[in-house]
Amino acid sequence: STFSKFDWLCWIVTFPLKVAFKYTCPPCERGSVWEIYYPVTLVVAFAWVSLFSYGISKIVQSWGNASGIPLSLFGYILVACGAEIPDTIQSVTVARRGYGSMAV
């Protein structure tokens, strides 16, 4: 097999989420049988985002309480990472494609 131990670990961790998403979020592309269920997909996707946001906030709260660092500082760090990491990845991707001026 060509899978590394890390690949197997990622598969094991993400498999339950993939199954949960498959059975709770109908694929509502245009022309599909599930197209009329797009409002359901929207609400369920919002529920998933809310659930993950709640989980992340509880984890950050427990880290803050364990370390003694104020929760507001942990919140700022989380927001900064959540906002800047995707922007950095996008800038690097654009620059690698030869559009350096768009990456700035």
PDB file of N, CA and C in Angstrom:
ATOM      1  N   SER A   1       0.830  -1.181   0.000  1.00  0.00           N
ATOM      2  CA  SER A   1       0.000   0.000   0.000  1.00  0.00           C
ATOM      3  C   SER A   1       0.880   1.252   0.000  1.00  0.00           C
ATOM      4  N   THR A   2       0.418   2.309  -0.647  1.00  0.00           N
ATOM      5  CA  THR A   2       1.205   3.536  -0.751  1.00  0.00           C
ATOM      6  C   THR A   2       0.842   4.561   0.310  1.00  0.00           C
ATOM      7  N   PHE A   3      -0.037   4.191   1.231  1.00  0.00           N
ATOM      8  CA  PHE A   3      -0.443   5.132   2.268  1.00  0.00           C
ATOM      9  C   PHE A   3       0.539   5.110   3.426  1.00  0.00           C
ATOM     10  N   SER A   4       0.907   6.298   3.895  1.00  0.00           N
ATOM     11  CA  SER A   4       1.788   6.407   5.052  1.00  0.00           C
ATOM     12  C   SER A   4       0.946   6.295   6.326  1.00  0.00           C
ATOM     13  N   LYS A   5       1.616   6.240   7.447  1.00  0.00           N
ATOM     14  CA  LYS A   5       0.899   6.192   8.724  1.00  0.00           C
ATOM     15  C   LYS A   5       0.090   7.460   8.941  1.00  0.00           C
ATOM     16  N   PHE A   6       0.638   8.587   8.492  1.00  0.00           N
ATOM     17  CA  PHE A   6      -0.083   9.856   8.609  1.00  0.00           C
ATOM     18  C   PHE A   6      -1.357   9.836   7.771  1.00  0.00           C
ATOM     19  N   ASP A   7      -1.280   9.270   6.553  1.00  0.00           N
ATOM     20  CA  ASP A   7      -2.460   9.166   5.697  1.00  0.00           C
ATOM     21  C   ASP A   7      -3.552   8.335   6.367  1.00  0.00           C
ATOM     22  N   TRP A   8      -3.141   7.226   6.971  1.00  0.00           N
ATOM     23  CA  TRP A   8      -4.107   6.373   7.666  1.00  0.00           C
ATOM     24  C   TRP A   8      -4.707   7.097   8.856  1.00  0.00           C
ATOM     25  N   LEU A   9      -3.898   7.829   9.599  1.00  0.00           N
ATOM     26  CA  LEU A   9      -4.396   8.581  10.739  1.00  0.00           C
ATOM     27  C   LEU A   9      -5.410   9.631  10.288  1.00  0.00           C
ATOM     28  N   CYS A  10      -5.095  10.345   9.219  1.00  0.00           N
ATOM     29  CA  CYS A  10      -6.028  11.349   8.685  1.00  0.00           C
ATOM     30  C   CYS A  10      -7.327  10.696   8.236  1.00  0.00           C
ATOM     31  N   TRP A  11      -7.228   9.546   7.607  1.00  0.00           N
ATOM     32  CA  TRP A  11      -8.429   8.843   7.144  1.00  0.00           C
ATOM     33  C   TRP A  11      -9.281   8.420   8.327  1.00  0.00           C
ATOM     34  N   ILE A  12      -8.650   7.881   9.369  1.00  0.00           N
ATOM     35  CA  ILE A  12      -9.380   7.423  10.551  1.00  0.00           C
ATOM     36  C   ILE A  12     -10.075   8.592  11.247  1.00  0.00           C
ATOM     37  N   VAL A  13      -9.392   9.725  11.322  1.00  0.00           N
ATOM     38  CA  VAL A  13      -9.963  10.883  12.008  1.00  0.00           C
ATOM     39  C   VAL A  13     -11.103  11.501  11.190  1.00  0.00           C
ATOM     40  N   THR A  14     -10.961  11.569   9.886  1.00  0.00           N
ATOM     41  CA  THR A  14     -11.962  12.252   9.063  1.00  0.00           C
ATOM     42  C   THR A  14     -13.112  11.355   8.616  1.00  0.00           C
ATOM     43  N   PHE A  15     -12.956  10.048   8.689  1.00  0.00           N
ATOM     44  CA  PHE A  15     -14.006   9.149   8.210  1.00  0.00           C
ATOM     45  C   PHE A  15     -15.348   9.375   8.895  1.00  0.00           C
ATOM     46  N   PRO A  16     -15.390   9.464  10.232  1.00  0.00           N
ATOM     47  CA  PRO A  16     -16.703   9.708  10.857  1.00  0.00           C
ATOM     48  C   PRO A  16     -17.353  11.015  10.410  1.00  0.00           C
ATOM     49  N   LEU A  17     -16.540  12.052  10.212  1.00  0.00           N
ATOM     50  CA  LEU A  17     -17.099  13.320   9.740  1.00  0.00           C
ATOM     51  C   LEU A  17     -17.628  13.191   8.314  1.00  0.00           C
ATOM     52  N   LYS A  18     -16.891  12.497   7.466  1.00  0.00           N
ATOM     53  CA  LYS A  18     -17.354  12.316   6.083  1.00  0.00           C
ATOM     54  C   LYS A  18     -18.681  11.572   6.047  1.00  0.00           C
ATOM     55  N   VAL A  19     -18.816  10.548   6.879  1.00  0.00           N
ATOM     56  CA  VAL A  19     -20.068   9.790   6.931  1.00  0.00           C
ATOM     57  C   VAL A  19     -21.193  10.683   7.449  1.00  0.00           C
ATOM     58  N   ALA A  20     -20.920  11.439   8.516  1.00  0.00           N
ATOM     59  CA  ALA A  20     -21.948  12.331   9.075  1.00  0.00           C
ATOM     60  C   ALA A  20     -22.372  13.381   8.060  1.00  0.00           C
ATOM     61  N   PHE A  21     -21.425  13.969   7.348  1.00  0.00           N
ATOM     62  CA  PHE A  21     -21.759  14.978   6.338  1.00  0.00           C
ATOM     63  C   PHE A  21     -22.543  14.357   5.184  1.00  0.00           C
ATOM     64  N   LYS A  22     -22.170  13.149   4.790  1.00  0.00           N
ATOM     65  CA  LYS A  22     -22.846  12.495   3.668  1.00  0.00           C
ATOM     66  C   LYS A  22     -24.324  12.269   3.961  1.00  0.00           C
ATOM     67  N   TYR A  23     -24.630  11.890   5.211  1.00  0.00           N
ATOM     68  CA  TYR A  23     -26.010  11.557   5.534  1.00  0.00           C
ATOM     69  C   TYR A  23     -26.808  12.719   6.116  1.00  0.00           C
ATOM     70  N   THR A  24     -26.189  13.848   6.394  1.00  0.00           N
ATOM     71  CA  THR A  24     -26.943  14.981   6.927  1.00  0.00           C
ATOM     72  C   THR A  24     -27.026  16.160   5.966  1.00  0.00           C
ATOM     73  N   CYS A  25     -26.169  16.232   4.982  1.00  0.00           N
ATOM     74  CA  CYS A  25     -26.184  17.335   4.016  1.00  0.00           C
ATOM     75  C   CYS A  25     -26.479  16.783   2.625  1.00  0.00           C
ATOM     76  N   PRO A  26     -27.724  16.894   2.172  1.00  0.00           N
ATOM     77  CA  PRO A  26     -28.043  16.374   0.848  1.00  0.00           C
ATOM     78  C   PRO A  26     -27.265  17.110  -0.250  1.00  0.00           C
ATOM     79  N   PRO A  27     -26.750  16.382  -1.248  1.00  0.00           N
ATOM     80  CA  PRO A  27     -26.040  17.039  -2.354  1.00  0.00           C
ATOM     81  C   PRO A  27     -27.051  17.700  -3.287  1.00  0.00           C
ATOM     82  N   CYS A  28     -27.191  19.007  -3.197  1.00  0.00           N
ATOM     83  CA  CYS A  28     -28.283  19.698  -3.894  1.00  0.00           C
ATOM     84  C   CYS A  28     -27.815  20.462  -5.125  1.00  0.00           C
ATOM     85  N   GLU A  29     -26.932  19.870  -5.913  1.00  0.00           N
ATOM     86  CA  GLU A  29     -26.492  20.531  -7.131  1.00  0.00           C
ATOM     87  C   GLU A  29     -27.661  20.655  -8.099  1.00  0.00           C
ATOM     88  N   ARG A  30     -27.534  21.605  -9.019  1.00  0.00           N
ATOM     89  CA  ARG A  30     -28.579  21.777 -10.039  1.00  0.00           C
ATOM     90  C   ARG A  30     -28.696  20.520 -10.884  1.00  0.00           C
ATOM     91  N   GLY A  31     -29.916  20.134 -11.108  1.00  0.00           N
ATOM     92  CA  GLY A  31     -30.176  18.965 -11.939  1.00  0.00           C
ATOM     93  C   GLY A  31     -30.166  17.647 -11.171  1.00  0.00           C
ATOM     94  N   SER A  32     -29.825  17.678  -9.888  1.00  0.00           N
ATOM     95  CA  SER A  32     -29.814  16.437  -9.115  1.00  0.00           C
ATOM     96  C   SER A  32     -31.193  16.186  -8.517  1.00  0.00           C
ATOM     97  N   VAL A  33     -31.406  14.985  -8.041  1.00  0.00           N
ATOM     98  CA  VAL A  33     -32.671  14.623  -7.418  1.00  0.00           C
ATOM     99  C   VAL A  33     -32.908  15.441  -6.150  1.00  0.00           C
ATOM    100  N   TRP A  34     -31.832  15.820  -5.476  1.00  0.00           N
ATOM    101  CA  TRP A  34     -31.914  16.520  -4.200  1.00  0.00           C
ATOM    102  C   TRP A  34     -31.974  18.045  -4.362  1.00  0.00           C
ATOM    103  N   GLU A  35     -32.086  18.542  -5.577  1.00  0.00           N
ATOM    104  CA  GLU A  35     -32.031  19.991  -5.819  1.00  0.00           C
ATOM    105  C   GLU A  35     -33.067  20.763  -5.003  1.00  0.00           C
ATOM    106  N   ILE A  36     -34.230  20.209  -4.791  1.00  0.00           N
ATOM    107  CA  ILE A  36     -35.278  20.935  -4.064  1.00  0.00           C
ATOM    108  C   ILE A  36     -34.986  21.022  -2.564  1.00  0.00           C
ATOM    109  N   TYR A  37     -33.991  20.296  -2.087  1.00  0.00           N
ATOM    110  CA  TYR A  37     -33.665  20.289  -0.658  1.00  0.00           C
ATOM    111  C   TYR A  37     -32.555  21.274  -0.296  1.00  0.00           C
ATOM    112  N   TYR A  38     -32.276  22.245  -1.152  1.00  0.00           N
ATOM    113  CA  TYR A  38     -31.202  23.190  -0.835  1.00  0.00           C
ATOM    114  C   TYR A  38     -31.444  23.953   0.457  1.00  0.00           C
ATOM    115  N   PRO A  39     -32.685  24.303   0.834  1.00  0.00           N
ATOM    116  CA  PRO A  39     -32.851  24.969   2.134  1.00  0.00           C
ATOM    117  C   PRO A  39     -32.433  24.064   3.309  1.00  0.00           C
ATOM    118  N   VAL A  40     -32.699  22.764   3.172  1.00  0.00           N
ATOM    119  CA  VAL A  40     -32.302  21.818   4.217  1.00  0.00           C
ATOM    120  C   VAL A  40     -30.779  21.773   4.314  1.00  0.00           C
ATOM    121  N   THR A  41     -30.112  21.713   3.169  1.00  0.00           N
ATOM    122  CA  THR A  41     -28.655  21.689   3.165  1.00  0.00           C
ATOM    123  C   THR A  41     -28.095  22.958   3.806  1.00  0.00           C
ATOM    124  N   LEU A  42     -28.685  24.100   3.514  1.00  0.00           N
ATOM    125  CA  LEU A  42     -28.228  25.358   4.094  1.00  0.00           C
ATOM    126  C   LEU A  42     -28.361  25.345   5.619  1.00  0.00           C
ATOM    127  N   VAL A  43     -29.504  24.909   6.119  1.00  0.00           N
ATOM    128  CA  VAL A  43     -29.739  24.890   7.564  1.00  0.00           C
ATOM    129  C   VAL A  43     -28.823  23.878   8.247  1.00  0.00           C
ATOM    130  N   VAL A  44     -28.671  22.704   7.658  1.00  0.00           N
ATOM    131  CA  VAL A  44     -27.812  21.679   8.252  1.00  0.00           C
ATOM    132  C   VAL A  44     -26.353  22.131   8.233  1.00  0.00           C
ATOM    133  N   ALA A  45     -25.914  22.751   7.153  1.00  0.00           N
ATOM    134  CA  ALA A  45     -24.540  23.263   7.094  1.00  0.00           C
ATOM    135  C   ALA A  45     -24.323  24.328   8.163  1.00  0.00           C
ATOM    136  N   PHE A  46     -25.303  25.197   8.354  1.00  0.00           N
ATOM    137  CA  PHE A  46     -25.211  26.208   9.405  1.00  0.00           C
ATOM    138  C   PHE A  46     -25.132  25.541  10.779  1.00  0.00           C
ATOM    139  N   ALA A  47     -25.898  24.469  10.981  1.00  0.00           N
ATOM    140  CA  ALA A  47     -25.851  23.744  12.255  1.00  0.00           C
ATOM    141  C   ALA A  47     -24.478  23.126  12.482  1.00  0.00           C
ATOM    142  N   TRP A  48     -23.868  22.554  11.437  1.00  0.00           N
ATOM    143  CA  TRP A  48     -22.525  21.980  11.566  1.00  0.00           C
ATOM    144  C   TRP A  48     -21.506  23.068  11.925  1.00  0.00           C
ATOM    145  N   VAL A  49     -21.575  24.204  11.254  1.00  0.00           N
ATOM    146  CA  VAL A  49     -20.645  25.301  11.552  1.00  0.00           C
ATOM    147  C   VAL A  49     -20.836  25.768  12.994  1.00  0.00           C
ATOM    148  N   SER A  50     -22.080  25.856  13.432  1.00  0.00           N
ATOM    149  CA  SER A  50     -22.357  26.258  14.812  1.00  0.00           C
ATOM    150  C   SER A  50     -21.793  25.253  15.804  1.00  0.00           C
ATOM    151  N   LEU A  51     -21.955  23.981  15.517  1.00  0.00           N
ATOM    152  CA  LEU A  51     -21.443  22.930  16.400  1.00  0.00           C
ATOM    153  C   LEU A  51     -19.925  22.985  16.505  1.00  0.00           C
ATOM    154  N   PHE A  52     -19.256  23.124  15.369  1.00  0.00           N
ATOM    155  CA  PHE A  52     -17.787  23.204  15.387  1.00  0.00           C
ATOM    156  C   PHE A  52     -17.313  24.482  16.072  1.00  0.00           C
ATOM    157  N   SER A  53     -18.015  25.588  15.868  1.00  0.00           N
ATOM    158  CA  SER A  53     -17.645  26.840  16.535  1.00  0.00           C
ATOM    159  C   SER A  53     -17.785  26.709  18.044  1.00  0.00           C
ATOM    160  N   TYR A  54     -18.840  26.081  18.483  1.00  0.00           N
ATOM    161  CA  TYR A  54     -19.039  25.851  19.913  1.00  0.00           C
ATOM    162  C   TYR A  54     -17.906  24.975  20.469  1.00  0.00           C
ATOM    163  N   GLY A  55     -17.564  23.910  19.744  1.00  0.00           N
ATOM    164  CA  GLY A  55     -16.481  23.037  20.190  1.00  0.00           C
ATOM    165  C   GLY A  55     -15.149  23.757  20.290  1.00  0.00           C
ATOM    166  N   ILE A  56     -14.837  24.567  19.292  1.00  0.00           N
ATOM    167  CA  ILE A  56     -13.580  25.313  19.307  1.00  0.00           C
ATOM    168  C   ILE A  56     -13.566  26.302  20.464  1.00  0.00           C
ATOM    169  N   SER A  57     -14.694  26.956  20.715  1.00  0.00           N
ATOM    170  CA  SER A  57     -14.730  27.922  21.821  1.00  0.00           C
ATOM    171  C   SER A  57     -14.550  27.228  23.165  1.00  0.00           C
ATOM    172  N   LYS A  58     -15.096  26.038  23.326  1.00  0.00           N
ATOM    173  CA  LYS A  58     -14.907  25.296  24.571  1.00  0.00           C
ATOM    174  C   LYS A  58     -13.447  24.856  24.741  1.00  0.00           C
ATOM    175  N   ILE A  59     -12.815  24.444  23.657  1.00  0.00           N
ATOM    176  CA  ILE A  59     -11.406  24.045  23.716  1.00  0.00           C
ATOM    177  C   ILE A  59     -10.540  25.245  24.081  1.00  0.00           C
ATOM    178  N   VAL A  60     -10.775  26.378  23.434  1.00  0.00           N
ATOM    179  CA  VAL A  60      -9.999  27.588  23.735  1.00  0.00           C
ATOM    180  C   VAL A  60     -10.232  28.016  25.177  1.00  0.00           C
ATOM    181  N   GLN A  61     -11.458  27.901  25.649  1.00  0.00           N
ATOM    182  CA  GLN A  61     -11.761  28.262  27.031  1.00  0.00           C
ATOM    183  C   GLN A  61     -10.998  27.364  28.009  1.00  0.00           C
ATOM    184  N   SER A  62     -10.955  26.070  27.732  1.00  0.00           N
ATOM    185  CA  SER A  62     -10.224  25.177  28.637  1.00  0.00           C
ATOM    186  C   SER A  62      -8.722  25.426  28.575  1.00  0.00           C
ATOM    187  N   TRP A  63      -8.173  25.744  27.396  1.00  0.00           N
ATOM    188  CA  TRP A  63      -6.751  26.086  27.286  1.00  0.00           C
ATOM    189  C   TRP A  63      -6.452  27.355  28.069  1.00  0.00           C
ATOM    190  N   GLY A  64      -7.328  28.340  27.936  1.00  0.00           N
ATOM    191  CA  GLY A  64      -7.131  29.594  28.653  1.00  0.00           C
ATOM    192  C   GLY A  64      -7.188  29.403  30.159  1.00  0.00           C
ATOM    193  N   ASN A  65      -8.139  28.631  30.622  1.00  0.00           N
ATOM    194  CA  ASN A  65      -8.245  28.366  32.053  1.00  0.00           C
ATOM    195  C   ASN A  65      -7.046  27.579  32.569  1.00  0.00           C
ATOM    196  N   ALA A  66      -6.560  26.631  31.786  1.00  0.00           N
ATOM    197  CA  ALA A  66      -5.420  25.808  32.212  1.00  0.00           C
ATOM    198  C   ALA A  66      -4.121  26.607  32.239  1.00  0.00           C
ATOM    199  N   SER A  67      -3.985  27.554  31.304  1.00  0.00           N
ATOM    200  CA  SER A  67      -2.726  28.299  31.209  1.00  0.00           C
ATOM    201  C   SER A  67      -2.726  29.583  32.030  1.00  0.00           C
ATOM    202  N   GLY A  68      -3.890  30.062  32.408  1.00  0.00           N
ATOM    203  CA  GLY A  68      -3.964  31.306  33.155  1.00  0.00           C
ATOM    204  C   GLY A  68      -3.915  32.543  32.282  1.00  0.00           C
ATOM    205  N   ILE A  69      -3.850  32.362  30.977  1.00  0.00           N
ATOM    206  CA  ILE A  69      -3.849  33.492  30.038  1.00  0.00           C
ATOM    207  C   ILE A  69      -5.301  33.943  29.844  1.00  0.00           C
ATOM    208  N   PRO A  70      -5.561  35.236  29.800  1.00  0.00           N
ATOM    209  CA  PRO A  70      -6.943  35.718  29.640  1.00  0.00           C
ATOM    210  C   PRO A  70      -7.601  35.174  28.367  1.00  0.00           C
ATOM    211  N   LEU A  71      -8.882  34.861  28.490  1.00  0.00           N
ATOM    212  CA  LEU A  71      -9.613  34.302  27.350  1.00  0.00           C
ATOM    213  C   LEU A  71      -9.689  35.290  26.186  1.00  0.00           C
ATOM    214  N   SER A  72      -9.695  36.579  26.493  1.00  0.00           N
ATOM    215  CA  SER A  72      -9.750  37.567  25.406  1.00  0.00           C
ATOM    216  C   SER A  72      -8.509  37.475  24.528  1.00  0.00           C
ATOM    217  N   LEU A  73      -7.337  37.219  25.137  1.00  0.00           N
ATOM    218  CA  LEU A  73      -6.109  37.069  24.351  1.00  0.00           C
ATOM    219  C   LEU A  73      -6.177  35.817  23.486  1.00  0.00           C
ATOM    220  N   PHE A  74      -6.642  34.718  24.062  1.00  0.00           N
ATOM    221  CA  PHE A  74      -6.801  33.497  23.264  1.00  0.00           C
ATOM    222  C   PHE A  74      -7.786  33.731  22.121  1.00  0.00           C
ATOM    223  N   GLY A  75      -8.851  34.484  22.386  1.00  0.00           N
ATOM    224  CA  GLY A  75      -9.816  34.791  21.329  1.00  0.00           C
ATOM    225  C   GLY A  75      -9.195  35.590  20.204  1.00  0.00           C
ATOM    226  N   TYR A  76      -8.383  36.597  20.563  1.00  0.00           N
ATOM    227  CA  TYR A  76      -7.699  37.388  19.533  1.00  0.00           C
ATOM    228  C   TYR A  76      -6.772  36.515  18.694  1.00  0.00           C
ATOM    229  N   ILE A  77      -6.048  35.627  19.350  1.00  0.00           N
ATOM    230  CA  ILE A  77      -5.129  34.734  18.627  1.00  0.00           C
ATOM    231  C   ILE A  77      -5.906  33.824  17.683  1.00  0.00           C
ATOM    232  N   LEU A  78      -7.002  33.266  18.162  1.00  0.00           N
ATOM    233  CA  LEU A  78      -7.804  32.374  17.326  1.00  0.00           C
ATOM    234  C   LEU A  78      -8.370  33.107  16.114  1.00  0.00           C
ATOM    235  N   VAL A  79      -8.891  34.304  16.333  1.00  0.00           N
ATOM    236  CA  VAL A  79      -9.439  35.086  15.218  1.00  0.00           C
ATOM    237  C   VAL A  79      -8.342  35.466  14.229  1.00  0.00           C
ATOM    238  N   ALA A  80      -7.174  35.844  14.749  1.00  0.00           N
ATOM    239  CA  ALA A  80      -6.068  36.216  13.865  1.00  0.00           C
ATOM    240  C   ALA A  80      -5.627  35.031  13.010  1.00  0.00           C
ATOM    241  N   CYS A  81      -5.484  33.874  13.635  1.00  0.00           N
ATOM    242  CA  CYS A  81      -5.081  32.677  12.871  1.00  0.00           C
ATOM    243  C   CYS A  81      -6.153  32.294  11.861  1.00  0.00           C
ATOM    244  N   GLY A  82      -7.411  32.355  12.281  1.00  0.00           N
ATOM    245  CA  GLY A  82      -8.505  31.989  11.385  1.00  0.00           C
ATOM    246  C   GLY A  82      -8.645  32.917  10.204  1.00  0.00           C
ATOM    247  N   ALA A  83      -8.229  34.161  10.372  1.00  0.00           N
ATOM    248  CA  ALA A  83      -8.349  35.132   9.283  1.00  0.00           C
ATOM    249  C   ALA A  83      -7.125  35.145   8.386  1.00  0.00           C
ATOM    250  N   GLU A  84      -5.953  34.974   8.944  1.00  0.00           N
ATOM    251  CA  GLU A  84      -4.725  35.172   8.172  1.00  0.00           C
ATOM    252  C   GLU A  84      -4.168  33.908   7.530  1.00  0.00           C
ATOM    253  N   ILE A  85      -4.342  32.777   8.124  1.00  0.00           N
ATOM    254  CA  ILE A  85      -3.787  31.544   7.542  1.00  0.00           C
ATOM    255  C   ILE A  85      -4.388  31.261   6.169  1.00  0.00           C
ATOM    256  N   PRO A  86      -5.730  31.321   5.984  1.00  0.00           N
ATOM    257  CA  PRO A  86      -6.265  31.120   4.627  1.00  0.00           C
ATOM    258  C   PRO A  86      -5.771  32.162   3.627  1.00  0.00           C
ATOM    259  N   ASP A  87      -5.642  33.425   4.066  1.00  0.00           N
ATOM    260  CA  ASP A  87      -5.124  34.465   3.178  1.00  0.00           C
ATOM    261  C   ASP A  87      -3.687  34.167   2.755  1.00  0.00           C
ATOM    262  N   THR A  88      -2.883  33.689   3.693  1.00  0.00           N
ATOM    263  CA  THR A  88      -1.493  33.349   3.377  1.00  0.00           C
ATOM    264  C   THR A  88      -1.429  32.211   2.380  1.00  0.00           C
ATOM    265  N   ILE A  89      -2.223  31.181   2.600  1.00  0.00           N
ATOM    266  CA  ILE A  89      -2.240  30.034   1.674  1.00  0.00           C
ATOM    267  C   ILE A  89      -2.669  30.482   0.284  1.00  0.00           C
ATOM    268  N   GLN A  90      -3.689  31.335   0.215  1.00  0.00           N
ATOM    269  CA  GLN A  90      -4.153  31.832  -1.079  1.00  0.00           C
ATOM    270  C   GLN A  90      -3.069  32.667  -1.763  1.00  0.00           C
ATOM    271  N   SER A  91      -2.383  33.521  -1.020  1.00  0.00           N
ATOM    272  CA  SER A  91      -1.330  34.354  -1.601  1.00  0.00           C
ATOM    273  C   SER A  91      -0.181  33.506  -2.139  1.00  0.00           C
ATOM    274  N   VAL A  92       0.205  32.493  -1.399  1.00  0.00           N
ATOM    275  CA  VAL A  92       1.287  31.612  -1.844  1.00  0.00           C
ATOM    276  C   VAL A  92       0.865  30.861  -3.109  1.00  0.00           C
ATOM    277  N   THR A  93      -0.376  30.392  -3.132  1.00  0.00           N
ATOM    278  CA  THR A  93      -0.865  29.668  -4.308  1.00  0.00           C
ATOM    279  C   THR A  93      -0.873  30.560  -5.543  1.00  0.00           C
ATOM    280  N   VAL A  94      -1.353  31.783  -5.403  1.00  0.00           N
ATOM    281  CA  VAL A  94      -1.395  32.725  -6.526  1.00  0.00           C
ATOM    282  C   VAL A  94       0.014  33.070  -6.993  1.00  0.00           C
ATOM    283  N   ALA A  95       0.927  33.278  -6.041  1.00  0.00           N
ATOM    284  CA  ALA A  95       2.296  33.618  -6.407  1.00  0.00           C
ATOM    285  C   ALA A  95       2.963  32.475  -7.150  1.00  0.00           C
ATOM    286  N   ARG A  96       2.721  31.245  -6.735  1.00  0.00           N
ATOM    287  CA  ARG A  96       3.310  30.085  -7.416  1.00  0.00           C
ATOM    288  C   ARG A  96       2.791  29.934  -8.842  1.00  0.00           C
ATOM    289  N   ARG A  97       1.609  30.421  -9.093  1.00  0.00           N
ATOM    290  CA  ARG A  97       1.050  30.344 -10.449  1.00  0.00           C
ATOM    291  C   ARG A  97       1.568  31.466 -11.346  1.00  0.00           C
ATOM    292  N   GLY A  98       2.393  32.344 -10.761  1.00  0.00           N
ATOM    293  CA  GLY A  98       3.007  33.387 -11.570  1.00  0.00           C
ATOM    294  C   GLY A  98       2.316  34.727 -11.507  1.00  0.00           C
ATOM    295  N   TYR A  99       1.383  34.882 -10.600  1.00  0.00           N
ATOM    296  CA  TYR A  99       0.674  36.144 -10.450  1.00  0.00           C
ATOM    297  C   TYR A  99       1.111  36.838  -9.160  1.00  0.00           C
ATOM    298  N   GLY A 100       2.360  37.195  -9.089  1.00  0.00           N
ATOM    299  CA  GLY A 100       2.924  37.784  -7.886  1.00  0.00           C
ATOM    300  C   GLY A 100       2.258  39.065  -7.461  1.00  0.00           C
ATOM    301  N   SER A 101       1.836  39.880  -8.419  1.00  0.00           N
ATOM    302  CA  SER A 101       1.209  41.152  -8.055  1.00  0.00           C
ATOM    303  C   SER A 101      -0.155  40.928  -7.405  1.00  0.00           C
ATOM    304  N   MET A 102      -0.825  39.838  -7.721  1.00  0.00           N
ATOM    305  CA  MET A 102      -2.111  39.532  -7.084  1.00  0.00           C
ATOM    306  C   MET A 102      -1.912  38.987  -5.683  1.00  0.00           C
ATOM    307  N   ALA A 103      -0.731  38.477  -5.389  1.00  0.00           N
ATOM    308  CA  ALA A 103      -0.491  37.869  -4.090  1.00  0.00           C
ATOM    309  C   ALA A 103      -0.239  38.894  -3.008  1.00  0.00           C
ATOM    310  N   VAL A 104       0.043  40.122  -3.409  1.00  0.00           N
ATOM    311  CA  VAL A 104       0.375  41.149  -2.414  1.00  0.00           C
ATOM    312  C   VAL A 104      -0.852  41.767  -1.821  1.00  0.00           C
TER     313      VAL A 104
END
